């Protein structure tokens, strides 16, 4: 895997922020992710509040979701939201994580938040957010304060819009990207159009989608994931059950292996395992990342 690919890959499993930070510190003379993300924009448009413009987005019939089996869809192929969704998500949920890299503890913190369920682009969506910050003493070397926003379909968690608001070592970038499979409708003011495959999720939508899978009945899921720069094929499969202890407590979990493919080839020099609690909320409690330069353990610290 090239260094450039690795920098783009890590946001696919956004909980691996600690490993990403360490990589950037050790290779700080390499081009920054800000420059990579800027390459996906056209012109100098500023980020803008979400509008109610309606793009053409398609849904992939090959990617299943717990609530999409009803067969009821809108005019663009999106599954319509049932009266009582089966997704184990709730508005206002806040999950705080701390990241340890190799022998360094608490080098970064990450907050995953379900801001609200709302109407966006004429559809019912979840507004998902992630906030990443480096901690001292690493912060003295590499200050990172990043925010990611996702507007994902409330049924299948397919992405309608993905936003990166990056502040890394004083360099700032705001990128607001409208995801479309057809490209027939222009983006709204302050956004750019990202052409993706039907059924594409962004990293935050993918993370939440893995919580919705009935792993006892579904041994593997796969879908395209767009990280704000590039489209990957992400596959996840159940590899077992395990009791894990993190600062938030001890949990019985399902251990999920995550595999990332770039142009049909698996990125084999990086591996990821996500541990999802076997509770009603199916809370993600731990992510382990093994990379060529370090290993990372991102642990659930607190549930709000």
Protein backbone atom coordinates (compact mmCIF):
# COMPACT_ATOMS: atom_id res chain seq x y z
CA UNK A 1 0.00 0.00 0.00
CA UNK A 2 1.42 3.45 -0.87
CA UNK A 3 1.76 6.18 1.74
CA UNK A 4 -0.79 8.24 -0.15
CA UNK A 5 -3.29 5.37 -0.12
CA UNK A 6 -2.76 4.82 3.59
CA UNK A 7 -3.51 8.43 4.42
CA UNK A 8 -6.75 8.15 2.46
CA UNK A 9 -7.66 4.72 3.83
CA UNK A 10 -7.66 5.52 7.51
CA UNK A 11 -10.72 7.79 7.51
CA UNK A 12 -12.66 4.80 6.13
CA UNK A 13 -12.48 3.48 9.68
CA UNK A 14 -12.44 6.87 11.31
CA UNK A 15 -11.79 5.44 14.75
CA UNK A 16 -8.19 4.77 13.66
CA UNK A 17 -7.41 8.49 14.01
CA UNK A 18 -4.60 7.74 16.42
CA UNK A 19 -2.71 5.63 13.93
CA UNK A 20 -3.22 8.30 11.31
CA UNK A 21 -1.86 10.99 13.64
CA UNK A 22 1.25 8.98 14.40
CA UNK A 23 1.83 8.40 10.71
CA UNK A 24 1.52 12.11 9.97
CA UNK A 25 3.96 13.00 12.77
CA UNK A 26 6.56 10.51 11.56
CA UNK A 27 6.12 11.66 7.95
CA UNK A 28 5.34 15.34 8.42
CA UNK A 29 7.33 16.31 5.32
CA UNK A 30 4.90 14.34 3.15
CA UNK A 31 1.95 16.18 1.52
CA UNK A 32 -0.82 16.69 4.04
CA UNK A 33 -4.29 15.20 3.89
CA UNK A 34 -5.54 18.75 3.59
CA UNK A 35 -3.93 18.98 0.17
CA UNK A 36 -5.37 15.61 -0.83
CA UNK A 37 -8.86 16.60 0.25
CA UNK A 38 -8.53 19.97 -1.49
CA UNK A 39 -7.91 18.08 -4.72
CA UNK A 40 -11.47 16.78 -4.62
CA UNK A 41 -12.89 20.31 -4.70
CA UNK A 42 -13.43 22.54 -7.70
CA UNK A 43 -12.72 26.23 -7.31
CA UNK A 44 -12.68 28.03 -3.99
CA UNK A 45 -16.22 27.44 -2.76
CA UNK A 46 -16.74 27.82 0.96
CA UNK A 47 -18.66 25.34 3.08
CA UNK A 48 -22.32 26.22 3.35
CA UNK A 49 -25.23 25.16 5.54
CA UNK A 50 -27.26 22.23 4.28
CA UNK A 51 -29.92 23.20 1.78
CA UNK A 52 -33.08 21.45 0.68
CA UNK A 53 -32.01 20.89 -2.92
CA UNK A 54 -32.73 17.40 -4.16
CA UNK A 55 -29.97 15.52 -6.01
CA UNK A 56 -30.32 12.21 -7.82
CA UNK A 57 -29.07 9.45 -5.52
CA UNK A 58 -29.53 5.73 -6.19
CA UNK A 59 -29.66 2.78 -3.84
CA UNK A 60 -27.80 -0.44 -4.47
CA UNK A 61 -30.09 -3.48 -4.33
CA UNK A 62 -27.02 -5.63 -3.61
CA UNK A 63 -26.42 -3.96 -0.24
CA UNK A 64 -28.89 -5.00 2.39
CA UNK A 65 -30.15 -3.06 5.42
CA UNK A 66 -32.42 -4.10 8.27
CA UNK A 67 -35.25 -1.83 7.26
CA UNK A 68 -34.95 -1.84 3.48
CA UNK A 69 -36.57 -5.22 2.98
CA UNK A 70 -40.06 -3.73 2.97
CA UNK A 71 -39.70 -3.04 -0.76
CA UNK A 72 -41.20 0.44 -0.42
CA UNK A 73 -39.07 3.05 -2.14
CA UNK A 74 -39.27 6.63 -3.26
CA UNK A 75 -38.89 7.80 -6.85
CA UNK A 76 -35.10 7.52 -6.70
CA UNK A 77 -34.92 4.00 -5.30
CA UNK A 78 -34.36 4.90 -1.65
CA UNK A 79 -36.16 2.71 0.84
CA UNK A 80 -38.89 4.64 2.62
CA UNK A 81 -38.63 4.96 6.38
CA UNK A 82 -41.04 2.71 8.28
CA UNK A 83 -43.03 4.07 11.21
CA UNK A 84 -40.76 2.32 13.71
CA UNK A 85 -37.23 1.81 12.38
CA UNK A 86 -35.27 -1.21 13.58
CA UNK A 87 -31.94 0.64 13.60
CA UNK A 88 -30.33 0.66 17.08
CA UNK A 89 -29.54 4.38 16.82
CA UNK A 90 -30.84 7.26 18.87
CA UNK A 91 -30.67 11.01 18.43
CA UNK A 92 -28.32 12.66 20.90
CA UNK A 93 -26.09 9.61 21.43
CA UNK A 94 -22.50 10.62 22.17
CA UNK A 95 -19.64 8.09 22.37
CA UNK A 96 -16.23 9.27 23.58
CA UNK A 97 -13.14 7.26 22.68
CA UNK A 98 -9.48 7.53 23.57
CA UNK A 99 -6.71 6.29 21.32
CA UNK A 100 -3.50 4.52 22.25
CA UNK A 101 -0.77 3.94 19.68
CA UNK A 102 1.94 1.36 20.32
CA UNK A 103 3.40 2.35 23.73
CA UNK A 104 1.81 5.80 23.76
CA UNK A 105 -1.43 6.13 25.73
CA UNK A 106 -4.20 8.65 25.13
CA UNK A 107 -2.57 10.35 22.16
CA UNK A 108 -5.91 11.44 20.72
CA UNK A 109 -9.60 11.53 21.55
CA UNK A 110 -12.53 10.94 19.27
CA UNK A 111 -16.21 11.71 19.73
CA UNK A 112 -18.86 9.95 17.64
CA UNK A 113 -22.21 11.70 17.83
CA UNK A 114 -25.66 11.16 16.38
CA UNK A 115 -26.67 14.80 16.19
CA UNK A 116 -30.27 14.30 15.11
CA UNK A 117 -32.72 12.65 12.77
CA UNK A 118 -34.08 15.19 10.33
CA UNK A 119 -35.28 15.90 6.81
CA UNK A 120 -32.49 16.66 4.37
CA UNK A 121 -32.77 16.96 0.59
CA UNK A 122 -36.36 15.84 0.93
CA UNK A 123 -35.45 12.61 2.71
CA UNK A 124 -35.36 11.38 6.28
CA UNK A 125 -31.71 11.14 7.35
CA UNK A 126 -29.41 10.72 10.32
CA UNK A 127 -27.01 13.61 10.85
CA UNK A 128 -23.85 11.85 12.06
CA UNK A 129 -20.73 13.59 13.36
CA UNK A 130 -17.19 12.78 14.44
CA UNK A 131 -14.70 15.07 16.19
CA UNK A 132 -11.01 14.17 16.48
CA UNK A 133 -8.37 15.96 18.57
CA UNK A 134 -4.80 15.17 19.49
CA UNK A 135 -3.81 15.28 23.17
CA UNK A 136 -0.67 16.52 24.91
CA UNK A 137 2.23 15.86 24.61
CA UNK A 138 1.58 14.82 21.00
CA UNK A 139 -0.43 17.98 20.46
CA UNK A 140 2.71 20.07 20.87
CA UNK A 141 4.11 18.29 17.80
CA UNK A 142 0.95 17.82 15.77
CA UNK A 143 -2.21 19.74 16.58
CA UNK A 144 -5.23 18.16 14.92
CA UNK A 145 -8.83 19.32 15.34
CA UNK A 146 -10.99 17.69 12.69
CA UNK A 147 -14.75 17.45 12.28
CA UNK A 148 -16.65 15.13 9.94
CA UNK A 149 -20.37 15.39 9.14
CA UNK A 150 -22.52 12.83 7.37
CA UNK A 151 -26.10 13.06 6.19
CA UNK A 152 -27.06 9.41 5.72
CA UNK A 153 -30.35 7.87 4.66
CA UNK A 154 -32.35 6.96 7.77
CA UNK A 155 -33.09 3.43 6.54
CA UNK A 156 -30.02 2.11 4.72
CA UNK A 157 -27.46 4.72 5.88
CA UNK A 158 -26.43 5.45 2.29
CA UNK A 159 -24.65 8.80 2.12
CA UNK A 160 -26.29 11.88 0.64
CA UNK A 161 -23.66 14.38 1.78
CA UNK A 162 -20.25 14.09 3.43
CA UNK A 163 -18.35 17.00 4.93
CA UNK A 164 -14.76 17.40 6.09
CA UNK A 165 -13.90 20.38 8.29
CA UNK A 166 -10.18 19.96 8.88
CA UNK A 167 -7.79 21.95 11.04
CA UNK A 168 -4.35 20.34 11.08
CA UNK A 169 -1.29 22.23 12.31
CA UNK A 170 -3.09 25.51 11.62
CA UNK A 171 -4.07 24.59 8.06
CA UNK A 172 -7.82 24.62 7.54
CA UNK A 173 -10.07 23.15 4.89
CA UNK A 174 -13.84 22.89 4.54
CA UNK A 175 -15.07 20.42 1.93
CA UNK A 176 -18.79 19.75 1.47
CA UNK A 177 -19.49 16.99 -1.04
CA UNK A 178 -22.86 15.92 -2.44
CA UNK A 179 -22.75 12.22 -3.33
CA UNK A 180 -24.50 11.19 -6.55
CA UNK A 181 -24.61 8.05 -8.64
CA UNK A 182 -26.16 9.69 -11.72
CA UNK A 183 -24.60 13.15 -11.78
CA UNK A 184 -27.71 14.49 -13.47
CA UNK A 185 -28.43 17.15 -10.83
CA UNK A 186 -25.85 19.88 -10.07
CA UNK A 187 -24.69 20.35 -6.48
CA UNK A 188 -26.08 23.08 -4.29
CA UNK A 189 -24.37 26.33 -3.39
CA UNK A 190 -21.15 25.77 -1.47
CA UNK A 191 -20.95 22.07 -2.35
CA UNK A 192 -19.23 19.99 -4.99
CA UNK A 193 -20.46 16.82 -6.63
CA UNK A 194 -18.83 13.47 -5.87
CA UNK A 195 -19.66 10.71 -8.37
CA UNK A 196 -20.02 7.38 -6.55
CA UNK A 197 -21.53 3.93 -7.03
CA UNK A 198 -25.15 3.25 -6.05
CA UNK A 199 -25.41 2.33 -2.38
CA UNK A 200 -22.25 4.16 -1.33
CA UNK A 201 -21.76 5.00 2.33
CA UNK A 202 -19.29 7.42 3.88
CA UNK A 203 -17.07 6.39 6.85
CA UNK A 204 -19.54 7.56 9.50
CA UNK A 205 -22.50 5.92 7.81
CA UNK A 206 -20.50 2.71 7.40
CA UNK A 207 -19.56 2.70 11.09
CA UNK A 208 -23.20 3.08 12.12
CA UNK A 209 -24.35 0.58 9.50
CA UNK A 210 -22.14 -2.13 11.03
CA UNK A 211 -24.19 -1.70 14.23
CA UNK A 212 -27.39 -2.56 12.39
CA UNK A 213 -26.24 -5.89 10.97
CA UNK A 214 -27.63 -9.06 12.55
CA UNK A 215 -24.26 -10.79 12.66
CA UNK A 216 -25.69 -14.08 13.83
CA UNK A 217 -27.53 -14.35 10.50
CA UNK A 218 -25.27 -12.31 8.22
CA UNK A 219 -21.66 -13.52 8.18
CA UNK A 220 -20.43 -10.86 5.74
CA UNK A 221 -21.47 -7.47 4.35
CA UNK A 222 -19.83 -5.30 1.72
CA UNK A 223 -20.43 -1.92 0.14
CA UNK A 224 -18.61 0.97 -1.53
CA UNK A 225 -17.31 3.59 0.90
CA UNK A 226 -16.28 7.11 -0.13
CA UNK A 227 -13.85 8.81 2.28
CA UNK A 228 -14.02 12.31 0.80
CA UNK A 229 -11.36 11.63 -1.82
CA UNK A 230 -11.59 8.10 -3.14
CA UNK A 231 -14.02 5.20 -3.42
CA UNK A 232 -13.16 1.87 -1.78
CA UNK A 233 -14.82 -1.52 -1.53
CA UNK A 234 -15.17 -2.35 2.16
CA UNK A 235 -16.03 -5.84 3.37
CA UNK A 236 -16.76 -6.81 6.96
CA UNK A 237 -17.25 -10.27 8.41
CA UNK A 238 -17.90 -11.83 11.79
CA UNK A 239 -14.86 -13.67 13.15
CA UNK A 240 -16.09 -14.56 16.64
CA UNK A 241 -17.29 -13.40 20.04
CA UNK A 242 -15.08 -11.95 22.73
CA UNK A 243 -15.29 -10.28 26.14
CA UNK A 244 -13.39 -6.97 26.10
CA UNK A 245 -12.62 -4.45 28.83
CA UNK A 246 -12.33 -0.75 28.02
CA UNK A 247 -12.53 2.34 30.28
CA UNK A 248 -16.32 2.42 29.82
CA UNK A 249 -16.70 -1.13 31.18
CA UNK A 250 -16.59 -4.80 30.23
CA UNK A 251 -18.67 -5.94 27.29
CA UNK A 252 -19.54 -9.16 25.51
CA UNK A 253 -18.90 -8.33 21.86
CA UNK A 254 -19.01 -9.50 18.28
CA UNK A 255 -15.57 -9.19 16.69
CA UNK A 256 -15.82 -7.87 13.14
CA UNK A 257 -12.90 -7.96 10.71
CA UNK A 258 -12.83 -5.09 8.22
CA UNK A 259 -11.14 -5.52 4.83
CA UNK A 260 -10.53 -2.64 2.43
CA UNK A 261 -10.07 -3.12 -1.32
CA UNK A 262 -8.63 -0.54 -3.68
CA UNK A 263 -9.26 -1.21 -7.39
CA UNK A 264 -10.02 -4.84 -6.62
CA UNK A 265 -6.86 -5.49 -4.58
CA UNK A 266 -7.06 -5.93 -0.82
CA UNK A 267 -4.82 -3.66 1.25
CA UNK A 268 -3.15 -6.50 3.11
CA UNK A 269 -0.53 -4.57 5.09
CA UNK A 270 -3.21 -3.01 7.30
CA UNK A 271 -5.87 -4.87 9.29
CA UNK A 272 -8.77 -3.66 11.40
CA UNK A 273 -11.06 -5.30 13.94
CA UNK A 274 -14.18 -3.65 15.34
CA UNK A 275 -15.80 -4.95 18.53
CA UNK A 276 -19.56 -4.31 18.77
CA UNK A 277 -21.29 -4.88 22.10
CA UNK A 278 -24.08 -7.43 22.26
CA UNK A 279 -26.41 -4.94 23.90
CA UNK A 280 -29.59 -3.38 22.59
CA UNK A 281 -27.68 -0.38 21.24
CA UNK A 282 -24.96 -2.57 19.66
CA UNK A 283 -22.42 -0.04 20.84
CA UNK A 284 -18.99 0.02 19.16
CA UNK A 285 -16.60 -0.32 22.11
CA UNK A 286 -13.17 -1.02 20.62
CA UNK A 287 -11.28 -0.74 17.37
CA UNK A 288 -7.89 -2.36 16.83
CA UNK A 289 -5.72 -1.35 13.88
CA UNK A 290 -2.48 -3.06 12.91
CA UNK A 291 -0.47 -0.99 10.44
CA UNK A 292 3.05 -1.23 9.00
CA UNK A 293 4.35 1.51 11.28
CA UNK A 294 2.31 1.03 14.46
CA UNK A 295 -0.66 -0.63 16.12
CA UNK A 296 -3.57 1.35 17.51
CA UNK A 297 -6.20 0.57 20.12
CA UNK A 298 -9.16 2.95 20.22
CA UNK A 299 -11.27 2.36 23.32
CA UNK A 300 -14.73 3.52 24.38
CA UNK A 301 -14.18 5.88 27.28
CA UNK A 302 -17.68 7.17 28.05
CA UNK A 303 -21.27 7.00 26.86
CA UNK A 304 -23.37 10.16 27.18
